[in-house]
N, C-alpha and C. Protein backbone atom coordinates (compact mmCIF):
# COMPACT_ATOMS: atom_id res chain seq x y z
N MET A 1 -6.58 68.27 -92.39
CA MET A 1 -6.49 66.92 -92.15
C MET A 1 -5.02 66.59 -92.01
N ASN A 2 -4.70 65.71 -91.11
CA ASN A 2 -3.27 65.37 -90.97
C ASN A 2 -3.19 63.95 -90.33
N ARG A 3 -2.01 63.50 -89.95
CA ARG A 3 -1.87 62.16 -89.46
C ARG A 3 -2.56 61.89 -88.14
N ARG A 4 -2.83 63.01 -87.32
CA ARG A 4 -3.63 62.84 -86.10
C ARG A 4 -4.93 62.34 -86.39
N ASP A 5 -5.55 62.86 -87.61
CA ASP A 5 -6.90 62.40 -87.91
C ASP A 5 -6.95 60.92 -88.32
N VAL A 6 -5.84 60.47 -88.89
CA VAL A 6 -5.72 59.07 -89.31
C VAL A 6 -5.70 58.24 -88.06
N LEU A 7 -4.80 58.72 -87.09
CA LEU A 7 -4.82 58.00 -85.73
C LEU A 7 -6.24 58.02 -85.05
N ALA A 8 -6.92 59.16 -85.11
CA ALA A 8 -8.30 59.13 -84.54
C ALA A 8 -9.19 58.07 -85.11
N TYR A 9 -8.96 57.86 -86.44
CA TYR A 9 -9.81 56.86 -87.07
C TYR A 9 -9.67 55.49 -86.39
N HIS A 10 -8.46 55.22 -85.91
CA HIS A 10 -8.15 53.92 -85.29
C HIS A 10 -8.37 53.84 -83.88
N VAL A 11 -8.58 54.89 -83.16
CA VAL A 11 -8.74 54.87 -81.74
C VAL A 11 -10.03 55.48 -81.32
N ALA A 12 -10.72 56.18 -82.13
CA ALA A 12 -11.91 56.86 -81.64
C ALA A 12 -13.20 55.94 -81.83
N ASN A 13 -14.27 56.32 -80.97
CA ASN A 13 -15.43 55.65 -81.10
C ASN A 13 -16.48 56.38 -81.95
N ARG A 14 -16.25 57.69 -81.98
CA ARG A 14 -17.17 58.52 -82.73
C ARG A 14 -16.23 59.74 -83.28
N VAL A 15 -16.57 60.13 -84.42
CA VAL A 15 -15.93 61.44 -85.04
C VAL A 15 -16.96 62.40 -85.26
N ILE A 16 -16.61 63.60 -85.41
CA ILE A 16 -17.55 64.72 -85.93
C ILE A 16 -16.88 65.60 -86.85
N PHE A 17 -17.64 65.82 -88.03
CA PHE A 17 -17.19 66.61 -89.00
C PHE A 17 -17.91 68.07 -88.80
N MET A 18 -17.12 69.11 -88.65
CA MET A 18 -17.70 70.41 -88.40
C MET A 18 -17.16 71.39 -89.52
N ALA A 19 -18.04 72.33 -89.90
CA ALA A 19 -17.55 73.38 -90.80
C ALA A 19 -18.27 74.63 -90.42
N ASP A 20 -17.65 75.77 -90.31
CA ASP A 20 -18.32 77.07 -90.01
C ASP A 20 -19.14 76.94 -88.70
N GLY A 21 -18.61 76.17 -87.67
CA GLY A 21 -19.33 76.05 -86.45
C GLY A 21 -20.49 75.21 -86.39
N VAL A 22 -20.76 74.56 -87.54
CA VAL A 22 -21.94 73.60 -87.56
C VAL A 22 -21.53 72.22 -87.68
N ILE A 23 -22.22 71.33 -86.90
CA ILE A 23 -21.88 69.83 -87.08
C ILE A 23 -22.66 69.38 -88.38
N HIS A 24 -21.87 68.90 -89.27
CA HIS A 24 -22.51 68.39 -90.59
C HIS A 24 -22.69 66.87 -90.58
N GLU A 25 -21.91 66.25 -89.69
CA GLU A 25 -21.88 64.69 -89.67
C GLU A 25 -21.22 64.18 -88.44
N GLU A 26 -21.76 63.18 -87.80
CA GLU A 26 -21.18 62.54 -86.68
C GLU A 26 -21.47 61.09 -86.66
N GLY A 27 -20.63 60.30 -86.25
CA GLY A 27 -20.86 58.85 -86.03
C GLY A 27 -19.59 58.03 -85.94
N PRO A 28 -19.68 56.74 -86.11
CA PRO A 28 -18.37 55.82 -86.03
C PRO A 28 -17.48 56.29 -87.08
N PRO A 29 -16.18 56.25 -86.93
CA PRO A 29 -15.25 56.65 -87.84
C PRO A 29 -15.36 55.83 -89.23
N GLU A 30 -15.76 54.62 -89.18
CA GLU A 30 -16.06 53.90 -90.44
C GLU A 30 -17.07 54.52 -91.25
N GLN A 31 -18.05 54.93 -90.65
CA GLN A 31 -19.20 55.68 -91.40
C GLN A 31 -18.83 56.97 -92.01
N VAL A 32 -18.38 57.83 -91.00
CA VAL A 32 -18.13 59.16 -91.37
C VAL A 32 -16.97 59.42 -92.36
N LEU A 33 -15.90 58.60 -92.14
CA LEU A 33 -14.71 58.77 -92.96
C LEU A 33 -14.56 57.83 -94.23
N LYS A 34 -15.39 56.76 -94.11
CA LYS A 34 -15.26 55.80 -95.26
C LYS A 34 -16.57 55.92 -96.14
N ALA A 35 -17.65 56.33 -95.60
CA ALA A 35 -18.90 56.35 -96.25
C ALA A 35 -19.70 57.55 -95.78
N PRO A 36 -19.24 58.83 -95.89
CA PRO A 36 -20.01 59.94 -95.51
C PRO A 36 -21.27 60.08 -96.30
N GLN A 37 -22.20 60.57 -95.61
CA GLN A 37 -23.55 60.85 -96.19
C GLN A 37 -23.77 62.32 -96.58
N ASN A 38 -23.12 63.30 -95.85
CA ASN A 38 -23.31 64.72 -96.04
C ASN A 38 -22.41 65.08 -97.15
N PRO A 39 -22.95 65.86 -98.13
CA PRO A 39 -22.11 66.35 -99.36
C PRO A 39 -20.83 67.20 -98.87
N ARG A 40 -20.95 67.87 -97.84
CA ARG A 40 -19.92 68.77 -97.39
C ARG A 40 -18.70 67.90 -96.88
N THR A 41 -19.07 66.76 -96.24
CA THR A 41 -18.08 65.81 -95.71
C THR A 41 -17.43 65.09 -96.83
N GLN A 42 -18.32 64.64 -97.76
CA GLN A 42 -17.75 64.08 -98.98
C GLN A 42 -16.77 64.85 -99.73
N ALA A 43 -17.08 66.07 -99.93
CA ALA A 43 -16.18 67.07 -100.68
C ALA A 43 -14.88 67.33 -99.98
N PHE A 44 -15.00 67.42 -98.64
CA PHE A 44 -13.74 67.60 -97.80
C PHE A 44 -12.88 66.50 -97.99
N LEU A 45 -13.42 65.18 -97.83
CA LEU A 45 -12.63 64.02 -97.81
C LEU A 45 -12.05 63.79 -99.33
N ALA A 46 -12.72 64.12 -100.37
CA ALA A 46 -12.33 64.01 -101.61
C ALA A 46 -11.10 64.85 -101.90
N ARG A 47 -10.94 65.99 -101.19
CA ARG A 47 -9.85 66.88 -101.32
C ARG A 47 -8.63 66.51 -100.58
N HIS A 48 -8.86 65.30 -99.69
CA HIS A 48 -7.76 64.87 -98.85
C HIS A 48 -7.54 63.32 -99.13
N LYS A 49 -7.48 62.92 -100.29
CA LYS A 49 -7.41 61.48 -100.63
C LYS A 49 -6.07 60.88 -100.23
N GLN A 50 -5.09 61.67 -99.93
CA GLN A 50 -3.74 61.11 -99.57
C GLN A 50 -3.85 60.42 -98.24
N PHE A 51 -4.83 60.59 -97.51
CA PHE A 51 -4.93 60.00 -96.18
C PHE A 51 -5.81 58.80 -96.34
N GLU A 52 -5.28 57.60 -96.07
CA GLU A 52 -5.97 56.38 -96.22
C GLU A 52 -6.62 55.97 -94.90
N PHE A 53 -7.89 55.54 -94.82
CA PHE A 53 -8.55 55.12 -93.55
C PHE A 53 -8.89 53.71 -93.72
């Protein structure tokens, strides 16, 4: 995760979280990055709290 991802939050209509070639979550940035439903997405974002969305 980097500053590009923060920029994507502000300009994208949809984001996708993938891991190991599998889509684990997709939807509007507000949903996926601020209120993820998938445990893998939640764990990833918890490890990258320095990025504010």
